[in-house]
C-alpha cells in the first residue's frame, strides 16, 4: 500500500465501486407512479419503463397525470443518458472492452426499455468492426493485467503487459497500456 502504484489505482477503484452501487432515485412523484418509482429505486429499470408505458395508456385522458408521467419518462431517459456519457468517455480512450462489459450489464438492467436494444446494437456493431474488435481484445488483456495488479500479482501483470505494449503501439490504447505498465513496474514485487 505504500507504493505510488496503489495510490494511483484508488480513484479508478472508487469510481468502479460507485458505478456498481448507482441506482436512480426519481424523487417525489404523483401517486400513480408509485410502482414505477419503487422499481427505479430497486434498479429494475426495464420494469420501471414498462410500468410507465402502462400508465401512459391508463391516464391518456388525464392531462395532469399524463404530463407528470411524461416528465418521469424524460427524467428516466436523461438518467439513462449518463450511461452513454460513460461509454463515450471510455470509447474515446479506446477502452472498448470496458465499455462493452458495462453496456452488457446495463442491457440487463434496462431490458424492455428502448435504450437497452440500442446499446445491444452498439456492442454488436463494435464486434463486427475489425479495428474495434482488435481494441476490445487489447483492452481485455489490459484489464486482465490490471486485475492481476489489484490481486498483488505484479510479476504476472508485467508478463501480460510486456507483449501488450508492442501490440498496442499505434492504437488508441497505447498511452493507457503504457500507463498501466508503468504502474505495474512501480508496484513492490
Protein backbone atom coordinates (compact mmCIF):
# COMPACT_ATOMS: atom_id res chain seq x y z
CA UNK A 1 0.00 0.00 0.00
CA UNK A 2 2.91 2.41 0.43
CA UNK A 3 3.76 2.20 -3.25
CA UNK A 4 2.69 5.02 -5.56
CA UNK A 5 1.02 2.47 -7.87
CA UNK A 6 -1.66 1.66 -5.30
CA UNK A 7 -2.36 5.33 -4.74
CA UNK A 8 -2.86 5.80 -8.50
CA UNK A 9 -5.30 2.86 -8.57
CA UNK A 10 -7.56 4.21 -5.83
CA UNK A 11 -9.59 6.76 -7.83
CA UNK A 12 -10.38 4.18 -10.52
CA UNK A 13 -11.37 1.55 -7.96
CA UNK A 14 -13.57 4.01 -6.08
CA UNK A 15 -15.24 5.08 -9.31
CA UNK A 16 -15.92 1.43 -10.23
CA UNK A 17 -17.42 0.78 -6.79
CA UNK A 18 -19.66 3.84 -7.08
CA UNK A 19 -20.90 2.77 -10.52
CA UNK A 20 -21.72 -0.71 -9.22
CA UNK A 21 -23.87 0.80 -6.44
CA UNK A 22 -25.51 3.50 -8.53
CA UNK A 23 -29.30 3.45 -8.64
CA UNK A 24 -31.68 6.14 -9.80
CA UNK A 25 -33.88 7.86 -7.23
CA UNK A 26 -36.63 9.67 -9.16
CA UNK A 27 -37.72 11.59 -6.06
CA UNK A 28 -41.29 12.59 -5.22
CA UNK A 29 -43.76 11.76 -7.96
CA UNK A 30 -47.55 11.55 -8.29
CA UNK A 31 -49.18 8.57 -6.52
CA UNK A 32 -49.90 6.83 -9.84
CA UNK A 33 -46.14 6.48 -10.41
CA UNK A 34 -45.54 4.79 -7.04
CA UNK A 35 -44.78 1.32 -8.51
CA UNK A 36 -42.53 2.76 -11.23
CA UNK A 37 -40.60 4.77 -8.63
CA UNK A 38 -40.15 1.69 -6.43
CA UNK A 39 -38.82 -0.30 -9.38
CA UNK A 40 -36.40 2.51 -10.26
CA UNK A 41 -35.11 2.64 -6.67
CA UNK A 42 -34.54 -1.14 -6.77
CA UNK A 43 -32.59 -0.74 -10.01
CA UNK A 44 -35.12 -2.66 -12.14
CA UNK A 45 -35.13 -0.07 -14.90
CA UNK A 46 -36.73 -2.22 -17.60
CA UNK A 47 -39.79 -2.92 -15.43
CA UNK A 48 -39.87 0.73 -14.45
CA UNK A 49 -40.07 1.76 -18.11
CA UNK A 50 -42.78 -0.83 -18.84
CA UNK A 51 -44.79 0.40 -15.86
CA UNK A 52 -44.58 3.97 -17.14
CA UNK A 53 -45.81 2.77 -20.58
CA UNK A 54 -48.85 1.16 -18.94
CA UNK A 55 -49.57 4.39 -17.10
CA UNK A 56 -49.39 6.39 -20.33
CA UNK A 57 -52.24 4.29 -21.71
CA UNK A 58 -54.20 4.28 -18.45
CA UNK A 59 -54.05 8.07 -17.99
CA UNK A 60 -54.33 9.05 -21.66
CA UNK A 61 -57.36 11.25 -20.88
CA UNK A 62 -56.00 12.85 -17.67
CA UNK A 63 -53.76 15.68 -18.88
CA UNK A 64 -52.26 16.48 -15.47
CA UNK A 65 -51.25 12.88 -14.75
CA UNK A 66 -50.11 12.40 -18.32
CA UNK A 67 -47.78 15.40 -18.04
CA UNK A 68 -46.32 14.00 -14.79
CA UNK A 69 -45.78 10.58 -16.39
CA UNK A 70 -44.12 12.13 -19.44
CA UNK A 71 -41.86 14.18 -17.17
CA UNK A 72 -40.94 10.97 -15.32
CA UNK A 73 -40.08 9.28 -18.62
CA UNK A 74 -37.99 12.27 -19.69
CA UNK A 75 -36.05 12.09 -16.41
CA UNK A 76 -35.67 8.33 -16.89
CA UNK A 77 -34.21 8.87 -20.35
CA UNK A 78 -31.88 11.59 -19.06
CA UNK A 79 -30.66 9.22 -16.33
CA UNK A 80 -30.02 6.52 -18.92
CA UNK A 81 -28.06 9.11 -20.89
CA UNK A 82 -25.44 9.03 -18.12
CA UNK A 83 -24.58 5.52 -19.32
CA UNK A 84 -24.00 6.86 -22.83
CA UNK A 85 -21.71 9.56 -21.45
CA UNK A 86 -19.60 7.00 -19.58
CA UNK A 87 -19.39 4.79 -22.64
CA UNK A 88 -18.38 7.71 -24.87
CA UNK A 89 -15.64 8.60 -22.39
CA UNK A 90 -14.25 5.05 -22.42
CA UNK A 91 -14.55 4.70 -26.19
CA UNK A 92 -12.72 7.99 -26.76
CA UNK A 93 -9.77 6.44 -24.90
CA UNK A 94 -10.02 3.12 -26.77
CA UNK A 95 -11.41 1.22 -23.79
CA UNK A 96 -13.92 -0.77 -25.83
CA UNK A 97 -13.75 -3.87 -23.63
CA UNK A 98 -14.63 -1.88 -20.52
CA UNK A 99 -17.42 -0.10 -22.44
CA UNK A 100 -18.86 -3.33 -23.87
CA UNK A 101 -18.83 -5.06 -20.47
CA UNK A 102 -20.56 -2.07 -18.89
CA UNK A 103 -23.17 -1.89 -21.64
CA UNK A 104 -23.75 -5.63 -21.32
CA UNK A 105 -24.67 -5.13 -17.65
CA UNK A 106 -26.82 -2.10 -18.47
CA UNK A 107 -28.72 -4.00 -21.17
CA UNK A 108 -29.79 -6.49 -18.50
CA UNK A 109 -30.83 -3.73 -16.08
CA UNK A 110 -32.74 -1.76 -18.75
CA UNK A 111 -34.20 -4.79 -20.60
CA UNK A 112 -37.55 -3.73 -22.04
CA UNK A 113 -36.60 -0.06 -22.35
CA UNK A 114 -35.69 1.32 -25.80
CA UNK A 115 -32.14 2.26 -24.80
CA UNK A 116 -31.32 -1.39 -23.98
CA UNK A 117 -31.82 -2.51 -27.56
CA UNK A 118 -29.84 0.49 -28.83
CA UNK A 119 -26.93 -0.39 -26.53
CA UNK A 120 -27.10 -4.02 -27.60
CA UNK A 121 -26.90 -2.97 -31.26
CA UNK A 122 -23.96 -0.68 -30.48
CA UNK A 123 -21.97 -3.54 -28.94
CA UNK A 124 -22.87 -5.86 -31.84
CA UNK A 125 -21.63 -3.20 -34.25
CA UNK A 126 -18.33 -2.96 -32.39
CA UNK A 127 -17.84 -6.71 -32.60
CA UNK A 128 -18.25 -6.58 -36.39
CA UNK A 129 -15.68 -3.79 -36.87
CA UNK A 130 -12.14 -5.19 -37.30
CA UNK A 131 -10.34 -2.23 -35.72
CA UNK A 132 -12.69 -2.08 -32.75
CA UNK A 133 -12.55 -5.85 -32.36
CA UNK A 134 -8.75 -5.59 -32.02
CA UNK A 135 -9.12 -2.78 -29.47
CA UNK A 136 -11.58 -4.91 -27.47
CA UNK A 137 -9.06 -7.73 -27.39
CA UNK A 138 -6.20 -5.42 -26.37
CA UNK A 139 -8.30 -3.71 -23.70
CA UNK A 140 -9.38 -7.08 -22.32
CA UNK A 141 -5.73 -8.06 -21.91
CA UNK A 142 -5.01 -4.69 -20.25
CA UNK A 143 -7.89 -5.25 -17.82
CA UNK A 144 -6.60 -8.75 -17.05
CA UNK A 145 -3.24 -7.22 -16.12
CA UNK A 146 -4.99 -4.55 -14.04
CA UNK A 147 -6.89 -7.21 -12.11
CA UNK A 148 -3.67 -9.13 -11.53
CA UNK A 149 -2.11 -5.94 -10.15
CA UNK A 150 -5.07 -5.46 -7.80
CA UNK A 151 -4.60 -9.03 -6.55
CA UNK A 152 -0.93 -8.27 -5.85
CA UNK A 153 0.33 -10.41 -8.74
CA UNK A 154 2.79 -7.83 -10.05
CA UNK A 155 5.02 -10.25 -11.95
CA UNK A 156 2.11 -11.87 -13.79
CA UNK A 157 0.73 -8.43 -14.68
CA UNK A 158 4.08 -7.31 -16.11
CA UNK A 159 4.26 -10.58 -18.06
CA UNK A 160 0.90 -9.78 -19.66
CA UNK A 161 1.74 -6.12 -20.26
CA UNK A 162 5.17 -6.51 -21.92
CA UNK A 163 3.88 -8.03 -25.17
CA UNK A 164 0.73 -5.91 -24.94
CA UNK A 165 2.82 -2.73 -25.17
CA UNK A 166 4.10 -3.88 -28.56
CA UNK A 167 0.64 -4.98 -29.75
CA UNK A 168 -1.00 -1.71 -28.65
CA UNK A 169 1.62 0.51 -30.31
CA UNK A 170 -0.05 2.95 -32.68
CA UNK A 171 -3.58 2.34 -31.35
CA UNK A 172 -5.88 4.44 -29.17
CA UNK A 173 -4.86 2.28 -26.21
CA UNK A 174 -1.12 2.85 -26.48
CA UNK A 175 -0.91 5.58 -23.81
CA UNK A 176 -3.22 3.70 -21.43
CA UNK A 177 -1.25 0.46 -21.80
CA UNK A 178 2.00 2.37 -21.14
CA UNK A 179 0.47 3.95 -18.04
CA UNK A 180 -0.72 0.55 -16.80
CA UNK A 181 2.73 -0.93 -17.44
CA UNK A 182 4.36 1.93 -15.54
CA UNK A 183 2.02 1.35 -12.56
CA UNK A 184 2.78 -2.37 -12.61
CA UNK A 185 6.54 -1.86 -12.64
CA UNK A 186 6.29 0.63 -9.76
CA UNK A 187 4.49 -1.88 -7.54
CA UNK A 188 6.54 -3.71 -4.95
CA UNK A 189 7.19 -7.22 -6.25
